[in-house]
Amino acid sequence: MAGGDLRSPDTRAAAEQGRVAGSDLRSPDTRDAAGSVRAAEPTIVHTIVVRSGDFDWSDAGVGAAGALGLVAVAAGALAAGGAVVRTRHA
């Protein structure tokens, strides 16, 4: 060991080259990849929303099916756990 220095050889070499340890906490692979990445131009998307005043039956069907499913789950829970008869012991 060089004079009681307990650092690894890589750490000593980095310190001798003048790099400050801990200034960039990214991995070396991430630093290399970030140097070659170019920012993409933003894409502008125009969306036109047309709303009609008509009743949407498909949305109503989805809502009704969801409500029916919740009722079925509640009925199943009551049937499974609601049939317990409790008696008092004297």
N, C-alpha and C. Protein backbone atom coordinates (compact mmCIF):
# COMPACT_ATOMS: atom_id res chain seq x y z
N MET A 1 0.84 -1.18 0.00
CA MET A 1 0.00 0.00 0.00
C MET A 1 0.87 1.23 0.00
N ALA A 2 0.36 2.25 -0.62
CA ALA A 2 1.14 3.48 -0.75
C ALA A 2 0.88 4.40 0.44
N GLY A 3 1.73 4.30 1.45
CA GLY A 3 1.68 5.24 2.57
C GLY A 3 0.42 5.17 3.42
N GLY A 4 -0.20 4.00 3.55
CA GLY A 4 -1.38 3.88 4.38
C GLY A 4 -2.65 4.40 3.72
N ASP A 5 -2.62 4.66 2.43
CA ASP A 5 -3.81 5.12 1.72
C ASP A 5 -4.73 3.93 1.49
N LEU A 6 -5.92 3.95 2.07
CA LEU A 6 -6.82 2.83 1.99
C LEU A 6 -7.78 2.91 0.80
N ARG A 7 -7.60 3.88 -0.07
CA ARG A 7 -8.47 3.98 -1.25
C ARG A 7 -8.07 2.94 -2.28
N SER A 8 -9.02 2.59 -3.15
CA SER A 8 -8.72 1.63 -4.21
C SER A 8 -7.82 2.30 -5.25
N PRO A 9 -7.13 1.50 -6.04
CA PRO A 9 -6.26 2.08 -7.07
C PRO A 9 -7.01 2.99 -8.04
N ASP A 10 -8.24 2.63 -8.39
CA ASP A 10 -9.02 3.48 -9.29
C ASP A 10 -9.33 4.83 -8.66
N THR A 11 -9.63 4.83 -7.37
CA THR A 11 -9.94 6.07 -6.67
C THR A 11 -8.71 6.95 -6.58
N ARG A 12 -7.56 6.33 -6.30
CA ARG A 12 -6.32 7.11 -6.24
C ARG A 12 -5.98 7.71 -7.59
N ALA A 13 -6.16 6.93 -8.67
CA ALA A 13 -5.86 7.43 -10.02
C ALA A 13 -6.78 8.59 -10.39
N ALA A 14 -8.07 8.48 -10.01
CA ALA A 14 -9.01 9.57 -10.31
C ALA A 14 -8.63 10.82 -9.53
N ALA A 15 -8.20 10.66 -8.29
CA ALA A 15 -7.81 11.82 -7.48
C ALA A 15 -6.55 12.47 -8.04
N GLU A 16 -5.63 11.68 -8.56
CA GLU A 16 -4.40 12.22 -9.13
C GLU A 16 -4.67 12.99 -10.42
N GLN A 17 -5.73 12.59 -11.14
CA GLN A 17 -6.06 13.27 -12.38
C GLN A 17 -6.84 14.56 -12.12
N GLY A 18 -7.22 14.81 -10.88
CA GLY A 18 -7.87 16.06 -10.54
C GLY A 18 -9.39 16.00 -10.55
N ARG A 19 -9.97 14.83 -10.71
CA ARG A 19 -11.42 14.71 -10.68
C ARG A 19 -11.89 14.79 -9.23
N VAL A 20 -13.01 15.45 -9.03
CA VAL A 20 -13.59 15.54 -7.71
C VAL A 20 -14.58 14.39 -7.54
N ALA A 21 -14.31 13.53 -6.57
CA ALA A 21 -15.19 12.40 -6.34
C ALA A 21 -16.52 12.88 -5.78
N GLY A 22 -17.60 12.35 -6.29
CA GLY A 22 -18.91 12.68 -5.78
C GLY A 22 -19.58 13.85 -6.47
N SER A 23 -18.93 14.50 -7.42
CA SER A 23 -19.56 15.63 -8.08
C SER A 23 -20.62 15.17 -9.08
N ASP A 24 -20.40 14.05 -9.72
CA ASP A 24 -21.37 13.49 -10.67
C ASP A 24 -21.68 12.08 -10.21
N LEU A 25 -22.89 11.88 -9.69
CA LEU A 25 -23.24 10.60 -9.09
C LEU A 25 -23.79 9.60 -10.11
N ARG A 26 -23.79 9.97 -11.38
CA ARG A 26 -24.27 9.03 -12.39
C ARG A 26 -23.18 7.98 -12.67
N SER A 27 -23.62 6.83 -13.17
CA SER A 27 -22.65 5.79 -13.50
C SER A 27 -21.88 6.21 -14.76
N PRO A 28 -20.70 5.63 -14.99
CA PRO A 28 -19.94 5.98 -16.20
C PRO A 28 -20.71 5.71 -17.48
N ASP A 29 -21.49 4.64 -17.52
CA ASP A 29 -22.28 4.35 -18.72
C ASP A 29 -23.31 5.44 -18.97
N THR A 30 -23.93 5.92 -17.90
CA THR A 30 -24.93 6.98 -18.04
C THR A 30 -24.29 8.27 -18.51
N ARG A 31 -23.11 8.59 -17.98
CA ARG A 31 -22.41 9.80 -18.43
C ARG A 31 -22.04 9.70 -19.90
N ASP A 32 -21.57 8.53 -20.34
CA ASP A 32 -21.21 8.35 -21.74
C ASP A 32 -22.43 8.47 -22.65
N ALA A 33 -23.54 7.88 -22.24
CA ALA A 33 -24.75 7.92 -23.06
C ALA A 33 -25.32 9.33 -23.12
N ALA A 34 -25.23 10.08 -22.03
CA ALA A 34 -25.78 11.43 -22.00
C ALA A 34 -25.01 12.37 -22.91
N GLY A 35 -23.75 12.07 -23.13
CA GLY A 35 -22.95 12.94 -24.00
C GLY A 35 -23.31 12.81 -25.47
N SER A 36 -23.88 11.68 -25.87
CA SER A 36 -24.18 11.47 -27.27
C SER A 36 -25.65 11.63 -27.61
N VAL A 37 -26.48 11.97 -26.64
CA VAL A 37 -27.91 12.10 -26.88
C VAL A 37 -28.23 13.52 -27.31
N ARG A 38 -28.98 13.62 -28.38
CA ARG A 38 -29.41 14.93 -28.86
C ARG A 38 -30.90 15.07 -28.58
N ALA A 39 -31.30 16.24 -28.16
CA ALA A 39 -32.70 16.48 -27.85
C ALA A 39 -33.52 16.48 -29.14
N ALA A 40 -34.65 15.82 -29.10
CA ALA A 40 -35.53 15.77 -30.25
C ALA A 40 -36.40 17.02 -30.29
N GLU A 41 -36.78 17.39 -31.48
CA GLU A 41 -37.68 18.53 -31.64
C GLU A 41 -39.06 18.14 -31.13
N PRO A 42 -39.73 19.05 -30.47
CA PRO A 42 -41.08 18.72 -29.98
C PRO A 42 -42.06 18.55 -31.13
N THR A 43 -42.99 17.64 -30.96
CA THR A 43 -44.01 17.39 -31.96
C THR A 43 -45.29 18.09 -31.53
N ILE A 44 -45.83 18.90 -32.40
CA ILE A 44 -47.06 19.62 -32.09
C ILE A 44 -48.23 18.84 -32.67
N VAL A 45 -49.18 18.52 -31.81
CA VAL A 45 -50.35 17.75 -32.22
C VAL A 45 -51.58 18.62 -32.01
N HIS A 46 -52.35 18.79 -33.06
CA HIS A 46 -53.59 19.55 -32.98
C HIS A 46 -54.75 18.57 -32.87
N THR A 47 -55.58 18.76 -31.85
CA THR A 47 -56.71 17.87 -31.62
C THR A 47 -57.99 18.69 -31.70
N ILE A 48 -58.91 18.20 -32.49
CA ILE A 48 -60.20 18.87 -32.60
C ILE A 48 -61.24 17.98 -31.95
N VAL A 49 -61.94 18.52 -30.96
CA VAL A 49 -62.96 17.76 -30.26
C VAL A 49 -64.32 18.29 -30.68
N VAL A 50 -65.13 17.39 -31.19
CA VAL A 50 -66.48 17.77 -31.62
C VAL A 50 -67.45 17.14 -30.64
N ARG A 51 -68.23 17.95 -29.98
CA ARG A 51 -69.20 17.45 -29.02
C ARG A 51 -70.60 17.63 -29.60
N SER A 52 -71.37 16.59 -29.44
CA SER A 52 -72.75 16.69 -29.89
C SER A 52 -73.66 16.69 -28.67
N GLY A 53 -74.86 17.15 -28.84
CA GLY A 53 -75.81 17.22 -27.75
C GLY A 53 -76.61 15.94 -27.59
N ASP A 54 -76.33 14.93 -28.40
CA ASP A 54 -77.08 13.68 -28.34
C ASP A 54 -76.66 12.85 -27.14
N PHE A 55 -77.56 11.99 -26.70
CA PHE A 55 -77.27 11.08 -25.59
C PHE A 55 -76.37 9.98 -26.11
N ASP A 56 -75.30 9.69 -25.39
CA ASP A 56 -74.34 8.67 -25.80
C ASP A 56 -74.72 7.34 -25.14
N TRP A 57 -75.31 6.46 -25.92
CA TRP A 57 -75.79 5.19 -25.39
C TRP A 57 -74.65 4.25 -25.01
N SER A 58 -73.53 4.35 -25.67
CA SER A 58 -72.41 3.46 -25.32
C SER A 58 -71.86 3.80 -23.92
N ASP A 59 -71.77 5.09 -23.60
CA ASP A 59 -71.34 5.48 -22.26
C ASP A 59 -72.35 5.04 -21.21
N ALA A 60 -73.63 5.15 -21.54
CA ALA A 60 -74.66 4.72 -20.60
C ALA A 60 -74.59 3.22 -20.38
N GLY A 61 -74.30 2.46 -21.43
CA GLY A 61 -74.18 1.00 -21.30
C GLY A 61 -73.01 0.61 -20.43
N VAL A 62 -71.89 1.31 -20.59
CA VAL A 62 -70.72 1.02 -19.76
C VAL A 62 -71.02 1.32 -18.30
N GLY A 63 -71.69 2.43 -18.03
CA GLY A 63 -72.04 2.78 -16.67
C GLY A 63 -73.02 1.78 -16.06
N ALA A 64 -74.00 1.35 -16.85
CA ALA A 64 -74.97 0.38 -16.35
C ALA A 64 -74.31 -0.96 -16.06
N ALA A 65 -73.40 -1.38 -16.93
CA ALA A 65 -72.70 -2.66 -16.71
C ALA A 65 -71.84 -2.58 -15.44
N GLY A 66 -71.19 -1.45 -15.22
CA GLY A 66 -70.38 -1.29 -14.01
C GLY A 66 -71.24 -1.32 -12.76
N ALA A 67 -72.39 -0.66 -12.81
CA ALA A 67 -73.29 -0.66 -11.65
C ALA A 67 -73.83 -2.06 -11.39
N LEU A 68 -74.18 -2.78 -12.45
CA LEU A 68 -74.67 -4.15 -12.30
C LEU A 68 -73.59 -5.06 -11.70
N GLY A 69 -72.35 -4.86 -12.12
CA GLY A 69 -71.25 -5.64 -11.56
C GLY A 69 -71.06 -5.37 -10.08
N LEU A 70 -71.16 -4.10 -9.66
CA LEU A 70 -71.03 -3.78 -8.24
C LEU A 70 -72.17 -4.39 -7.43
N VAL A 71 -73.39 -4.37 -7.97
CA VAL A 71 -74.52 -4.98 -7.28
C VAL A 71 -74.30 -6.48 -7.14
N ALA A 72 -73.77 -7.12 -8.18
CA ALA A 72 -73.52 -8.56 -8.12
C ALA A 72 -72.46 -8.90 -7.07
N VAL A 73 -71.41 -8.10 -7.00
CA VAL A 73 -70.36 -8.33 -6.00
C VAL A 73 -70.93 -8.14 -4.60
N ALA A 74 -71.75 -7.10 -4.40
CA ALA A 74 -72.34 -6.87 -3.08
C ALA A 74 -73.29 -8.00 -2.69
N ALA A 75 -74.07 -8.49 -3.65
CA ALA A 75 -74.99 -9.59 -3.36
C ALA A 75 -74.22 -10.86 -3.02
N GLY A 76 -73.11 -11.11 -3.72
CA GLY A 76 -72.29 -12.28 -3.41
C GLY A 76 -71.66 -12.18 -2.04
N ALA A 77 -71.23 -10.99 -1.66
CA ALA A 77 -70.64 -10.80 -0.34
C ALA A 77 -71.67 -11.01 0.75
N LEU A 78 -72.88 -10.52 0.52
CA LEU A 78 -73.94 -10.73 1.51
C LEU A 78 -74.34 -12.20 1.60
N ALA A 79 -74.37 -12.87 0.47
CA ALA A 79 -74.74 -14.29 0.48
C ALA A 79 -73.68 -15.13 1.17
N ALA A 80 -72.44 -14.78 1.00
CA ALA A 80 -71.35 -15.56 1.59
C ALA A 80 -71.20 -15.27 3.09
N GLY A 81 -71.28 -14.04 3.47
CA GLY A 81 -71.02 -13.69 4.86
C GLY A 81 -72.24 -13.31 5.65
N GLY A 82 -73.35 -13.08 5.01
CA GLY A 82 -74.53 -12.63 5.71
C GLY A 82 -75.40 -13.74 6.26
N ALA A 83 -75.08 -14.99 5.95
CA ALA A 83 -75.93 -16.10 6.37
C ALA A 83 -75.52 -16.66 7.74
N VAL A 84 -74.62 -16.01 8.43
CA VAL A 84 -74.16 -16.50 9.74
C VAL A 84 -75.22 -16.15 10.78
N VAL A 85 -75.69 -17.16 11.49
CA VAL A 85 -76.71 -16.96 12.54
C VAL A 85 -75.99 -16.94 13.88
N ARG A 86 -76.22 -15.91 14.64
CA ARG A 86 -75.58 -15.81 15.94
C ARG A 86 -76.63 -16.08 17.01
N THR A 87 -76.29 -16.92 17.93
CA THR A 87 -77.21 -17.25 19.03
C THR A 87 -76.55 -16.83 20.34
N ARG A 88 -77.37 -16.48 21.29
CA ARG A 88 -76.86 -16.10 22.59
C ARG A 88 -76.90 -17.33 23.50
N HIS A 89 -75.85 -17.52 24.20
CA HIS A 89 -75.79 -18.61 25.16
C HIS A 89 -76.10 -18.07 26.55
N ALA A 90 -76.96 -18.75 27.23
CA ALA A 90 -77.37 -18.28 28.55
C ALA A 90 -76.42 -18.72 29.64
